PDB file of N, CA and C in Angstrom:
ATOM      1  N   UNK A   1      94.544  91.245 103.593  1.00  0.00           N
ATOM      2  CA  UNK A   1      94.751  92.134 104.715  1.00  0.00           C
ATOM      3  C   UNK A   1      93.623  93.156 104.727  1.00  0.00           C
ATOM      4  N   UNK A   2      92.898  93.220 105.834  1.00  0.00           N
ATOM      5  CA  UNK A   2      91.815  94.177 105.958  1.00  0.00           C
ATOM      6  C   UNK A   2      92.349  95.586 106.065  1.00  0.00           C
ATOM      7  N   UNK A   3      91.653  96.507 105.465  1.00  0.00           N
ATOM      8  CA  UNK A   3      92.125  97.890 105.491  1.00  0.00           C
ATOM      9  C   UNK A   3      91.208  98.737 106.347  1.00  0.00           C
ATOM     10  N   UNK A   4      91.807  99.499 107.243  1.00  0.00           N
ATOM     11  CA  UNK A   4      91.071 100.478 108.031  1.00  0.00           C
ATOM     12  C   UNK A   4      92.056 101.557 108.430  1.00  0.00           C
ATOM     13  N   UNK A   5      91.563 102.734 108.656  1.00  0.00           N
ATOM     14  CA  UNK A   5      92.450 103.830 109.006  1.00  0.00           C
ATOM     15  C   UNK A   5      92.924 103.719 110.437  1.00  0.00           C
ATOM     16  N   UNK A   6      94.208 103.871 110.623  1.00  0.00           N
ATOM     17  CA  UNK A   6      94.794 103.812 111.944  1.00  0.00           C
ATOM     18  C   UNK A   6      95.825 104.899 112.082  1.00  0.00           C
ATOM     19  N   UNK A   7      96.307 105.094 113.294  1.00  0.00           N
ATOM     20  CA  UNK A   7      97.232 106.200 113.468  1.00  0.00           C
ATOM     21  C   UNK A   7      98.468 105.854 114.274  1.00  0.00           C
ATOM     22  N   UNK A   8      98.522 104.697 114.905  1.00  0.00           N
ATOM     23  CA  UNK A   8      99.656 104.399 115.752  1.00  0.00           C
ATOM     24  C   UNK A   8     100.261 103.052 115.371  1.00  0.00           C
ATOM     25  N   UNK A   9     101.444 103.088 114.769  1.00  0.00           N
ATOM     26  CA  UNK A   9     102.099 101.864 114.301  1.00  0.00           C
ATOM     27  C   UNK A   9     102.375 100.885 115.425  1.00  0.00           C
ATOM     28  N   UNK A  10     102.581 101.376 116.633  1.00  0.00           N
ATOM     29  CA  UNK A  10     102.911 100.493 117.749  1.00  0.00           C
ATOM     30  C   UNK A  10     101.812  99.471 118.024  1.00  0.00           C
ATOM     31  N   UNK A  11     100.576  99.769 117.662  1.00  0.00           N
ATOM     32  CA  UNK A  11      99.468  98.853 117.905  1.00  0.00           C
ATOM     33  C   UNK A  11      99.104  98.030 116.678  1.00  0.00           C
ATOM     34  N   UNK A  12      99.803  98.229 115.579  1.00  0.00           N
ATOM     35  CA  UNK A  12      99.488  97.543 114.321  1.00  0.00           C
ATOM     36  C   UNK A  12     100.112  96.155 114.298  1.00  0.00           C
ATOM     37  N   UNK A  13      99.367  95.198 113.781  1.00  0.00           N
ATOM     38  CA  UNK A  13      99.847  93.826 113.670  1.00  0.00           C
ATOM     39  C   UNK A  13     100.986  93.725 112.651  1.00  0.00           C
ATOM     40  N   UNK A  14     101.094  94.676 111.731  1.00  0.00           N
ATOM     41  CA  UNK A  14     102.133  94.668 110.704  1.00  0.00           C
ATOM     42  C   UNK A  14     103.444  95.297 111.175  1.00  0.00           C
ATOM     43  N   UNK A  15     103.491  95.804 112.367  1.00  0.00           N
ATOM     44  CA  UNK A  15     104.666  96.474 112.926  1.00  0.00           C
ATOM     45  C   UNK A  15     105.355  95.501 113.867  1.00  0.00           C
ATOM     46  N   UNK A  16     106.476  94.944 113.422  1.00  0.00           N
ATOM     47  CA  UNK A  16     107.125  93.910 114.218  1.00  0.00           C
ATOM     48  C   UNK A  16     108.627  94.153 114.338  1.00  0.00           C
ATOM     49  N   UNK A  17     109.222  93.488 115.304  1.00  0.00           N
ATOM     50  CA  UNK A  17     110.650  93.646 115.581  1.00  0.00           C
ATOM     51  C   UNK A  17     111.450  92.808 114.593  1.00  0.00           C
ATOM     52  N   UNK A  18     112.425  93.429 113.940  1.00  0.00           N
ATOM     53  CA  UNK A  18     113.316  92.755 113.004  1.00  0.00           C
ATOM     54  C   UNK A  18     114.652  92.516 113.712  1.00  0.00           C
ATOM     55  N   UNK A  19     114.941  91.261 114.005  1.00  0.00           N
ATOM     56  CA  UNK A  19     116.157  90.938 114.749  1.00  0.00           C
ATOM     57  C   UNK A  19     117.427  91.229 113.959  1.00  0.00           C
ATOM     58  N   UNK A  20     117.363  91.158 112.630  1.00  0.00           N
ATOM     59  CA  UNK A  20     118.546  91.452 111.805  1.00  0.00           C
ATOM     60  C   UNK A  20     118.945  92.916 111.916  1.00  0.00           C
ATOM     61  N   UNK A  21     117.952  93.819 111.867  1.00  0.00           N
ATOM     62  CA  UNK A  21     118.221  95.264 111.936  1.00  0.00           C
ATOM     63  C   UNK A  21     118.137  95.804 113.363  1.00  0.00           C
ATOM     64  N   UNK A  22     117.640  94.983 114.285  1.00  0.00           N
ATOM     65  CA  UNK A  22     117.480  95.355 115.689  1.00  0.00           C
ATOM     66  C   UNK A  22     116.616  96.603 115.879  1.00  0.00           C
ATOM     67  N   UNK A  23     115.500  96.631 115.163  1.00  0.00           N
ATOM     68  CA  UNK A  23     114.543  97.725 115.304  1.00  0.00           C
ATOM     69  C   UNK A  23     113.175  97.239 114.818  1.00  0.00           C
ATOM     70  N   UNK A  24     112.148  98.036 115.073  1.00  0.00           N
ATOM     71  CA  UNK A  24     110.810  97.715 114.606  1.00  0.00           C
ATOM     72  C   UNK A  24     110.634  98.203 113.174  1.00  0.00           C
ATOM     73  N   UNK A  25     109.957  97.402 112.363  1.00  0.00           N
ATOM     74  CA  UNK A  25     109.720  97.756 110.965  1.00  0.00           C
ATOM     75  C   UNK A  25     108.283  97.423 110.580  1.00  0.00           C
ATOM     76  N   UNK A  26     107.836  98.053 109.516  1.00  0.00           N
ATOM     77  CA  UNK A  26     106.522  97.766 108.954  1.00  0.00           C
ATOM     78  C   UNK A  26     106.698  96.643 107.932  1.00  0.00           C
ATOM     79  N   UNK A  27     105.893  95.594 108.047  1.00  0.00           N
ATOM     80  CA  UNK A  27     106.011  94.450 107.158  1.00  0.00           C
ATOM     81  C   UNK A  27     105.284  94.636 105.830  1.00  0.00           C
ATOM     82  N   UNK A  28     104.509  95.680 105.687  1.00  0.00           N
ATOM     83  CA  UNK A  28     103.774  95.946 104.457  1.00  0.00           C
ATOM     84  C   UNK A  28     104.734  96.539 103.429  1.00  0.00           C
ATOM     85  N   UNK A  29     104.613  96.117 102.185  1.00  0.00           N
ATOM     86  CA  UNK A  29     105.427  96.688 101.117  1.00  0.00           C
ATOM     87  C   UNK A  29     104.867  98.061 100.747  1.00  0.00           C
ATOM     88  N   UNK A  30     105.446  99.096 101.335  1.00  0.00           N
ATOM     89  CA  UNK A  30     104.986 100.462 101.106  1.00  0.00           C
ATOM     90  C   UNK A  30     105.622 101.014  99.842  1.00  0.00           C
ATOM     91  N   UNK A  31     104.873 101.872  99.133  1.00  0.00           N
ATOM     92  CA  UNK A  31     105.479 102.527  97.979  1.00  0.00           C
ATOM     93  C   UNK A  31     106.381 103.664  98.471  1.00  0.00           C
ATOM     94  N   UNK A  32     107.046 104.335  97.559  1.00  0.00           N
ATOM     95  CA  UNK A  32     108.047 105.349  97.926  1.00  0.00           C
ATOM     96  C   UNK A  32     107.464 106.484  98.759  1.00  0.00           C
ATOM     97  N   UNK A  33     106.304 106.981  98.381  1.00  0.00           N
ATOM     98  CA  UNK A  33     105.672 108.075  99.128  1.00  0.00           C
ATOM     99  C   UNK A  33     105.239 107.627 100.519  1.00  0.00           C
ATOM    100  N   UNK A  34     104.630 106.427 100.588  1.00  0.00           N
ATOM    101  CA  UNK A  34     104.200 105.910 101.885  1.00  0.00           C
ATOM    102  C   UNK A  34     105.400 105.683 102.807  1.00  0.00           C
ATOM    103  N   UNK A  35     106.497 105.171 102.255  1.00  0.00           N
ATOM    104  CA  UNK A  35     107.694 104.921 103.061  1.00  0.00           C
ATOM    105  C   UNK A  35     108.271 106.228 103.593  1.00  0.00           C
ATOM    106  N   UNK A  36     108.262 107.274 102.785  1.00  0.00           N
ATOM    107  CA  UNK A  36     108.759 108.580 103.234  1.00  0.00           C
ATOM    108  C   UNK A  36     107.929 109.088 104.414  1.00  0.00           C
ATOM    109  N   UNK A  37     106.606 108.962 104.331  1.00  0.00           N
ATOM    110  CA  UNK A  37     105.730 109.376 105.436  1.00  0.00           C
ATOM    111  C   UNK A  37     105.979 108.518 106.670  1.00  0.00           C
ATOM    112  N   UNK A  38     106.178 107.208 106.469  1.00  0.00           N
ATOM    113  CA  UNK A  38     106.433 106.297 107.587  1.00  0.00           C
ATOM    114  C   UNK A  38     107.722 106.672 108.312  1.00  0.00           C
ATOM    115  N   UNK A  39     108.784 106.927 107.568  1.00  0.00           N
ATOM    116  CA  UNK A  39     110.083 107.259 108.161  1.00  0.00           C
ATOM    117  C   UNK A  39     110.033 108.592 108.900  1.00  0.00           C
ATOM    118  N   UNK A  40     109.304 109.566 108.346  1.00  0.00           N
ATOM    119  CA  UNK A  40     109.197 110.883 108.984  1.00  0.00           C
ATOM    120  C   UNK A  40     108.217 110.875 110.162  1.00  0.00           C
ATOM    121  N   UNK A  41     107.504 109.763 110.355  1.00  0.00           N
ATOM    122  CA  UNK A  41     106.546 109.684 111.460  1.00  0.00           C
ATOM    123  C   UNK A  41     105.247 110.396 111.156  1.00  0.00           C
ATOM    124  N   UNK A  42     104.950 110.614 109.894  1.00  0.00           N
ATOM    125  CA  UNK A  42     103.754 111.344 109.474  1.00  0.00           C
ATOM    126  C   UNK A  42     102.812 110.403 108.719  1.00  0.00           C
ATOM    127  N   UNK A  43     102.602 109.218 109.261  1.00  0.00           N
ATOM    128  CA  UNK A  43     101.786 108.203 108.578  1.00  0.00           C
ATOM    129  C   UNK A  43     100.519 107.984 109.389  1.00  0.00           C
ATOM    130  N   UNK A  44      99.698 109.034 109.504  1.00  0.00           N
ATOM    131  CA  UNK A  44      98.546 109.015 110.401  1.00  0.00           C
ATOM    132  C   UNK A  44      97.343 108.262 109.859  1.00  0.00           C
ATOM    133  N   UNK A  45      97.145 108.232 108.585  1.00  0.00           N
ATOM    134  CA  UNK A  45      95.983 107.565 108.007  1.00  0.00           C
ATOM    135  C   UNK A  45      96.422 106.352 107.195  1.00  0.00           C
ATOM    136  N   UNK A  46      97.083 105.410 107.842  1.00  0.00           N
ATOM    137  CA  UNK A  46      97.596 104.218 107.174  1.00  0.00           C
ATOM    138  C   UNK A  46      96.448 103.323 106.712  1.00  0.00           C
ATOM    139  N   UNK A  47      96.380 103.026 105.428  1.00  0.00           N
ATOM    140  CA  UNK A  47      95.308 102.153 104.939  1.00  0.00           C
ATOM    141  C   UNK A  47      95.535 100.683 105.285  1.00  0.00           C
ATOM    142  N   UNK A  48      96.703 100.332 105.780  1.00  0.00           N
ATOM    143  CA  UNK A  48      97.046  98.948 106.090  1.00  0.00           C
ATOM    144  C   UNK A  48      96.980  98.638 107.583  1.00  0.00           C
ATOM    145  N   UNK A  49      96.563  99.603 108.381  1.00  0.00           N
ATOM    146  CA  UNK A  49      96.524  99.422 109.831  1.00  0.00           C
ATOM    147  C   UNK A  49      95.551  98.321 110.223  1.00  0.00           C
ATOM    148  N   UNK A  50      96.027  97.396 111.063  1.00  0.00           N
ATOM    149  CA  UNK A  50      95.172  96.378 111.668  1.00  0.00           C
ATOM    150  C   UNK A  50      95.533  96.330 113.134  1.00  0.00           C
ATOM    151  N   UNK A  51      94.560  96.464 113.982  1.00  0.00           N
ATOM    152  CA  UNK A  51      94.810  96.437 115.409  1.00  0.00           C
ATOM    153  C   UNK A  51      95.366  95.077 115.797  1.00  0.00           C
ATOM    154  N   UNK A  52      96.510  95.070 116.435  1.00  0.00           N
ATOM    155  CA  UNK A  52      97.115  93.834 116.897  1.00  0.00           C
ATOM    156  C   UNK A  52      96.423  93.371 118.160  1.00  0.00           C
ATOM    157  N   UNK A  53      95.807  92.221 118.109  1.00  0.00           N
ATOM    158  CA  UNK A  53      95.067  91.694 119.248  1.00  0.00           C
ATOM    159  C   UNK A  53      95.690  90.363 119.653  1.00  0.00           C
ATOM    160  N   UNK A  54      96.543  90.400 120.669  1.00  0.00           N
ATOM    161  CA  UNK A  54      97.251  89.211 121.117  1.00  0.00           C
ATOM    162  C   UNK A  54      96.316  88.154 121.695  1.00  0.00           C
ATOM    163  N   UNK A  55      95.149  88.542 122.148  1.00  0.00           N
ATOM    164  CA  UNK A  55      94.251  87.619 122.829  1.00  0.00           C
ATOM    165  C   UNK A  55      93.130  87.103 121.928  1.00  0.00           C
ATOM    166  N   UNK A  56      93.187  87.398 120.647  1.00  0.00           N
ATOM    167  CA  UNK A  56      92.129  86.989 119.722  1.00  0.00           C
ATOM    168  C   UNK A  56      92.000  85.462 119.675  1.00  0.00           C
ATOM    169  N   UNK A  57      93.099  84.765 119.605  1.00  0.00           N
ATOM    170  CA  UNK A  57      93.085  83.304 119.543  1.00  0.00           C
ATOM    171  C   UNK A  57      92.554  82.720 120.848  1.00  0.00           C
ATOM    172  N   UNK A  58      92.966  83.314 121.964  1.00  0.00           N
ATOM    173  CA  UNK A  58      92.527  82.815 123.269  1.00  0.00           C
ATOM    174  C   UNK A  58      91.017  82.930 123.401  1.00  0.00           C
ATOM    175  N   UNK A  59      90.441  84.026 122.944  1.00  0.00           N
ATOM    176  CA  UNK A  59      88.986  84.203 123.033  1.00  0.00           C
ATOM    177  C   UNK A  59      88.245  83.145 122.226  1.00  0.00           C
ATOM    178  N   UNK A  60      88.820  82.750 121.075  1.00  0.00           N
ATOM    179  CA  UNK A  60      88.163  81.718 120.255  1.00  0.00           C
ATOM    180  C   UNK A  60      88.205  80.359 120.946  1.00  0.00           C
ATOM    181  N   UNK A  61      89.205  80.116 121.760  1.00  0.00           N
ATOM    182  CA  UNK A  61      89.339  78.833 122.433  1.00  0.00           C
ATOM    183  C   UNK A  61      88.433  78.704 123.655  1.00  0.00           C
ATOM    184  N   UNK A  62      87.944  79.827 124.154  1.00  0.00           N
ATOM    185  CA  UNK A  62      87.116  79.810 125.372  1.00  0.00           C
ATOM    186  C   UNK A  62      85.710  79.391 125.081  1.00  0.00           C
TER     187      UNK A  62
END
């Protein structure tokens, strides 16, 4: 997983909808401190952020 600083979980490829819990969750195994920041909404410099690009595959096919 490539690491770069990001600030908005909604655009991260690791932020996905969990049908069991019926909410969005981070798929990265965060440690206790990181999870506390994530839950409080204070996770501005996430080292695991990857921009979710839905059209990346389509561009390769063109």
